Protein backbone atom coordinates (compact mmCIF):
# COMPACT_ATOMS: atom_id res chain seq x y z
CA MET A 1 25.82 -9.68 -110.83
CA LYS A 2 23.60 -10.92 -113.37
CA LYS A 3 24.64 -13.83 -115.67
CA LEU A 4 22.49 -15.92 -117.83
CA ASN A 5 22.41 -19.14 -118.72
CA THR A 6 23.85 -20.49 -122.26
CA LYS A 7 23.57 -24.51 -121.13
CA THR A 8 20.10 -23.90 -120.10
CA ASN A 9 19.12 -21.38 -123.06
CA ASN A 10 21.20 -23.03 -125.67
CA HIS A 11 17.72 -24.55 -127.03
CA ALA A 12 15.80 -21.75 -126.63
CA TRP A 13 15.98 -20.50 -129.69
CA ILE A 14 14.07 -23.88 -131.06
CA THR A 15 10.27 -22.85 -131.23
CA SER A 16 7.38 -25.20 -132.16
CA GLY A 17 6.88 -23.83 -135.49
CA LYS A 18 10.64 -24.68 -136.76
CA ARG A 19 10.18 -28.31 -135.06
CA THR A 20 7.18 -28.71 -137.64
CA SER A 21 9.76 -27.45 -140.17
CA CYS A 22 12.42 -30.13 -139.28
CA LYS A 23 9.79 -33.11 -138.94
CA CYS A 24 8.57 -31.79 -142.77
CA LYS A 25 12.03 -31.90 -143.53
CA ARG A 26 12.76 -35.50 -142.70
CA TYR A 27 9.07 -36.67 -144.00
CA LEU A 28 10.93 -35.32 -147.74
CA VAL A 29 13.86 -37.08 -147.56
CA LEU A 30 11.21 -40.73 -147.04
CA LEU A 31 9.77 -39.27 -150.37
CA CYS A 32 12.53 -38.22 -152.03
CA ARG A 33 14.45 -41.71 -151.10
CA ASN A 34 11.34 -43.64 -152.24
CA ASN A 35 10.40 -41.80 -155.15
CA ASN A 36 13.01 -41.06 -157.96
CA ASN A 37 11.55 -36.91 -159.10
CA ALA A 38 14.17 -34.10 -159.26
CA LYS A 39 10.89 -31.90 -159.01
CA LEU A 40 10.62 -33.39 -155.39
CA ASP A 41 14.67 -33.66 -154.58
CA ASN A 42 14.95 -29.55 -156.56
CA TYR A 43 11.94 -28.80 -154.13
CA TYR A 44 14.14 -30.81 -151.10
CA LYS A 45 17.33 -28.53 -151.52
CA THR A 46 15.33 -25.72 -151.61
CA TYR A 47 13.50 -25.83 -148.58
CA CYS A 48 16.62 -26.98 -146.61
CA LYS A 49 19.01 -24.04 -148.01
CA ILE A 50 16.32 -21.96 -146.26
CA LEU A 51 15.37 -23.75 -143.11
CA SER A 52 19.31 -23.52 -142.92
CA LYS A 53 19.19 -19.84 -143.17
CA VAL A 54 16.03 -19.67 -140.69
CA ILE A 55 17.83 -21.83 -138.09
CA LYS A 56 21.30 -19.63 -138.14
CA GLU A 57 19.24 -16.22 -137.92
CA ALA A 58 17.26 -18.02 -135.28
CA LYS A 59 20.23 -18.74 -133.29
CA LYS A 60 22.18 -15.21 -133.78
CA TYR A 61 19.29 -13.22 -132.11
CA HIS A 62 19.47 -15.66 -129.30
CA PHE A 63 22.84 -15.49 -129.06
CA ASN A 64 22.84 -11.54 -129.56
CA ARG A 65 20.15 -11.09 -126.80
CA LEU A 66 21.69 -13.67 -124.47
CA ILE A 67 24.38 -11.20 -124.90
CA ASP A 68 22.66 -8.09 -124.56
CA ASN A 69 20.63 -8.91 -121.85
CA SER A 70 23.38 -10.23 -119.58
CA ASP A 71 25.73 -7.84 -116.83
CA ASN A 72 28.45 -10.06 -118.08
CA LYS A 73 28.74 -10.04 -121.45
CA ILE A 74 32.70 -10.81 -121.56
CA GLU A 75 32.01 -14.10 -119.99
CA THR A 76 28.70 -14.47 -121.81
CA ILE A 77 30.39 -14.32 -125.05
CA TRP A 78 32.97 -17.32 -123.45
CA ASP A 79 30.58 -19.21 -122.59
CA ILE A 80 28.53 -19.20 -125.89
CA SER A 81 31.68 -19.87 -127.68
CA LYS A 82 32.30 -22.79 -125.46
CA LEU A 83 29.11 -24.08 -126.28
CA LEU A 84 29.08 -23.41 -130.03
CA THR A 85 32.66 -25.53 -130.06
CA GLY A 86 31.85 -27.82 -128.10
CA LYS A 87 34.70 -27.07 -125.55
CA LYS A 88 34.00 -27.80 -121.63
CA ASN A 89 34.73 -25.79 -118.97
CA THR A 90 39.35 -26.83 -117.48
CA LYS A 91 39.26 -27.59 -114.17
CA ASP A 92 40.46 -25.31 -111.51
CA ILE A 93 44.08 -26.58 -109.57
CA HIS A 94 43.45 -26.50 -106.38
CA GLN A 95 46.56 -27.60 -104.81
CA ILE A 96 50.01 -28.24 -106.15
CA ASN A 97 53.03 -30.50 -104.84
CA VAL A 98 55.29 -27.09 -104.07
CA ASP A 99 59.15 -28.68 -102.60
CA GLY A 100 58.02 -32.31 -102.03
CA THR A 101 54.84 -30.67 -99.87
CA VAL A 102 51.18 -30.59 -101.03
CA THR A 103 49.54 -27.27 -100.42
CA SER A 104 46.30 -25.65 -100.92
CA ASN A 105 47.61 -22.27 -100.67
CA GLY A 106 46.26 -19.82 -103.06
CA GLN A 107 49.07 -17.37 -102.27
CA ILE A 108 51.53 -19.92 -101.97
CA ILE A 109 50.80 -21.52 -105.70
CA ALA A 110 50.38 -18.04 -107.43
CA ASN A 111 54.32 -17.51 -105.81
CA SER A 112 55.17 -20.72 -107.73
CA PHE A 113 53.75 -20.23 -110.88
CA ASN A 114 55.28 -17.01 -111.10
CA ASN A 115 59.10 -17.92 -109.84
CA TYR A 116 58.69 -20.90 -112.04
CA PHE A 117 58.08 -18.40 -115.03
CA LEU A 118 60.40 -15.76 -114.10
CA SER A 119 63.14 -18.65 -113.41
CA THR A 120 62.28 -20.01 -117.00
CA ILE A 121 62.28 -16.53 -118.81
CA GLY A 122 65.62 -15.57 -116.79
CA ASN A 123 66.81 -18.74 -118.36
CA HIS A 124 66.70 -17.38 -122.14
CA THR A 125 66.63 -14.23 -121.70
CA PRO A 126 70.15 -12.40 -121.50
CA VAL A 127 70.64 -10.09 -118.13
CA ALA A 128 71.24 -6.67 -119.05
CA LYS A 129 74.73 -6.01 -117.17
CA SER A 130 73.48 -1.74 -116.38
CA LYS A 131 70.64 -1.82 -114.39
CA ASN A 132 70.34 1.64 -115.61
CA PRO A 133 67.71 0.76 -118.80
CA ILE A 134 69.04 4.04 -121.24
CA HIS A 135 72.92 2.65 -120.63
CA TYR A 136 71.27 -0.87 -121.85
CA LEU A 137 69.28 0.39 -125.05
CA TYR A 138 72.29 2.47 -125.88
CA GLN A 139 74.93 -0.37 -125.92
CA ALA A 140 72.62 -2.19 -127.60
CA PHE A 141 71.77 -0.48 -129.99
CA ARG A 142 75.26 0.13 -131.18
CA GLU A 143 74.92 -2.96 -132.72
CA PRO A 144 74.89 -3.17 -136.67
CA PHE A 145 71.50 -4.76 -137.90
CA PRO A 146 71.53 -7.25 -140.60
CA THR A 147 70.60 -6.53 -143.81
CA ILE A 148 67.44 -7.99 -145.15
CA LYS A 149 67.39 -7.74 -148.73
CA TYR A 150 63.53 -9.02 -149.80
CA GLN A 151 62.90 -10.65 -153.56
CA ASN A 152 60.16 -9.39 -155.79
CA THR A 153 57.42 -11.81 -155.49
CA PRO A 154 55.83 -13.18 -158.98
CA THR A 155 52.16 -13.02 -159.73
CA ALA A 156 51.86 -16.76 -159.96
CA GLU A 157 52.41 -16.65 -156.20
CA ILE A 158 49.59 -13.92 -155.01
CA GLY A 159 47.39 -16.48 -157.05
CA LYS A 160 48.43 -19.14 -155.26
CA ILE A 161 48.00 -17.78 -152.22
CA ILE A 162 44.72 -16.24 -152.70
CA GLU A 163 43.48 -20.10 -153.96
CA SER A 164 44.88 -21.97 -150.81
CA LEU A 165 42.66 -19.52 -148.44
CA LYS A 166 39.52 -21.84 -147.05
CA ALA A 167 36.20 -20.03 -148.97
CA GLU A 168 33.91 -18.29 -146.99
CA ASP A 169 31.23 -15.14 -147.34
CA SER A 170 32.35 -13.64 -144.25
CA HIS A 171 34.01 -10.98 -144.08
CA ARG A 172 36.49 -9.10 -141.99
CA TYR A 173 37.35 -5.25 -141.41
CA ASN A 174 38.24 -4.94 -144.98
CA GLU A 175 34.60 -5.53 -145.81
CA ILE A 176 35.82 -8.28 -148.39
CA SER A 177 35.04 -11.96 -148.24
CA VAL A 178 37.05 -15.26 -149.26
CA THR A 179 35.05 -16.40 -151.71
CA LEU A 180 34.97 -12.43 -153.41
CA LEU A 181 38.56 -12.91 -153.00
CA LYS A 182 38.93 -15.95 -155.27
CA LEU A 183 36.23 -14.95 -157.76
CA SER A 184 38.22 -11.77 -158.10
CA SER A 185 42.28 -13.33 -158.39
CA PRO A 186 42.09 -13.37 -162.40
CA PHE A 187 41.67 -9.81 -162.24
CA ILE A 188 42.92 -8.39 -158.87
CA SER A 189 46.23 -10.16 -158.72
CA LEU A 190 48.58 -8.56 -161.32
CA PRO A 191 47.85 -5.09 -159.30
CA LEU A 192 47.77 -6.86 -156.09
CA ASN A 193 52.14 -7.69 -157.01
CA TYR A 194 52.22 -4.82 -158.29
CA ILE A 195 51.54 -3.56 -154.66
CA CYS A 196 52.96 -6.36 -152.72
CA ASN A 197 56.83 -5.53 -153.88
CA GLU A 198 56.46 -1.44 -153.89
CA LEU A 199 55.49 -2.31 -150.02
CA LEU A 200 58.31 -4.55 -149.65
CA SER A 201 60.89 -2.37 -151.75
CA SER A 202 60.03 1.11 -150.05
CA GLY A 203 59.16 -0.38 -147.27
CA ILE A 204 56.18 1.70 -145.86
CA PHE A 205 52.90 -0.19 -145.57
CA PRO A 206 49.49 1.58 -144.91
CA CYS A 207 47.89 1.92 -141.50
CA ARG A 208 45.10 -0.32 -142.95
CA LEU A 209 47.04 -3.40 -143.33
CA LYS A 210 48.67 -3.10 -139.72
CA TYR A 211 45.69 -3.78 -138.18
CA ALA A 212 45.68 -7.22 -136.40
CA GLU A 213 42.50 -9.33 -134.99
CA VAL A 214 42.91 -11.62 -131.69
CA ILE A 215 40.24 -14.23 -131.83
């Protein structure tokens, strides 16, 4: 199976032109330090923004190419994620101590972990008296459910929640960035508050609010 090595290709996106641009950026830094020139400072800031955007797009293109050309795309995506976050691979377990005996047998190690987790769940989860799952569910649902009472949320709370979000230009499935949400907060807090209270009082939630992102 073909798998690209992201460790040896993580700087392949740095071309000679980008290296020259980075050297020019360092040169501009020295000029700005030695000269009190507002035009030069503005030029440096603009240059940095453009260079950062170019580098970001180059890295994006490079990693997308790695994923497209890899036969094991999931593993390549994980390798890229570890590379970007700086996380190192965890060491595999080769041997453990089972009842005073050190073993490296993979089957015994797997069974030991399995028995441990089963015993942990058994200590916290009540075991059904009946082996028939239908009878168990019937007995469980005969107990009355507790009544849940919701209080209407004020508009100010909606605004505080929006302001507490970290400003980001990227967006999720709703195609609305947090930055745009913050700018629109004074105008949408009131209708959002009305919608939230209606959802809580009716117990009906739109399908678009039932999405979950697992990262």
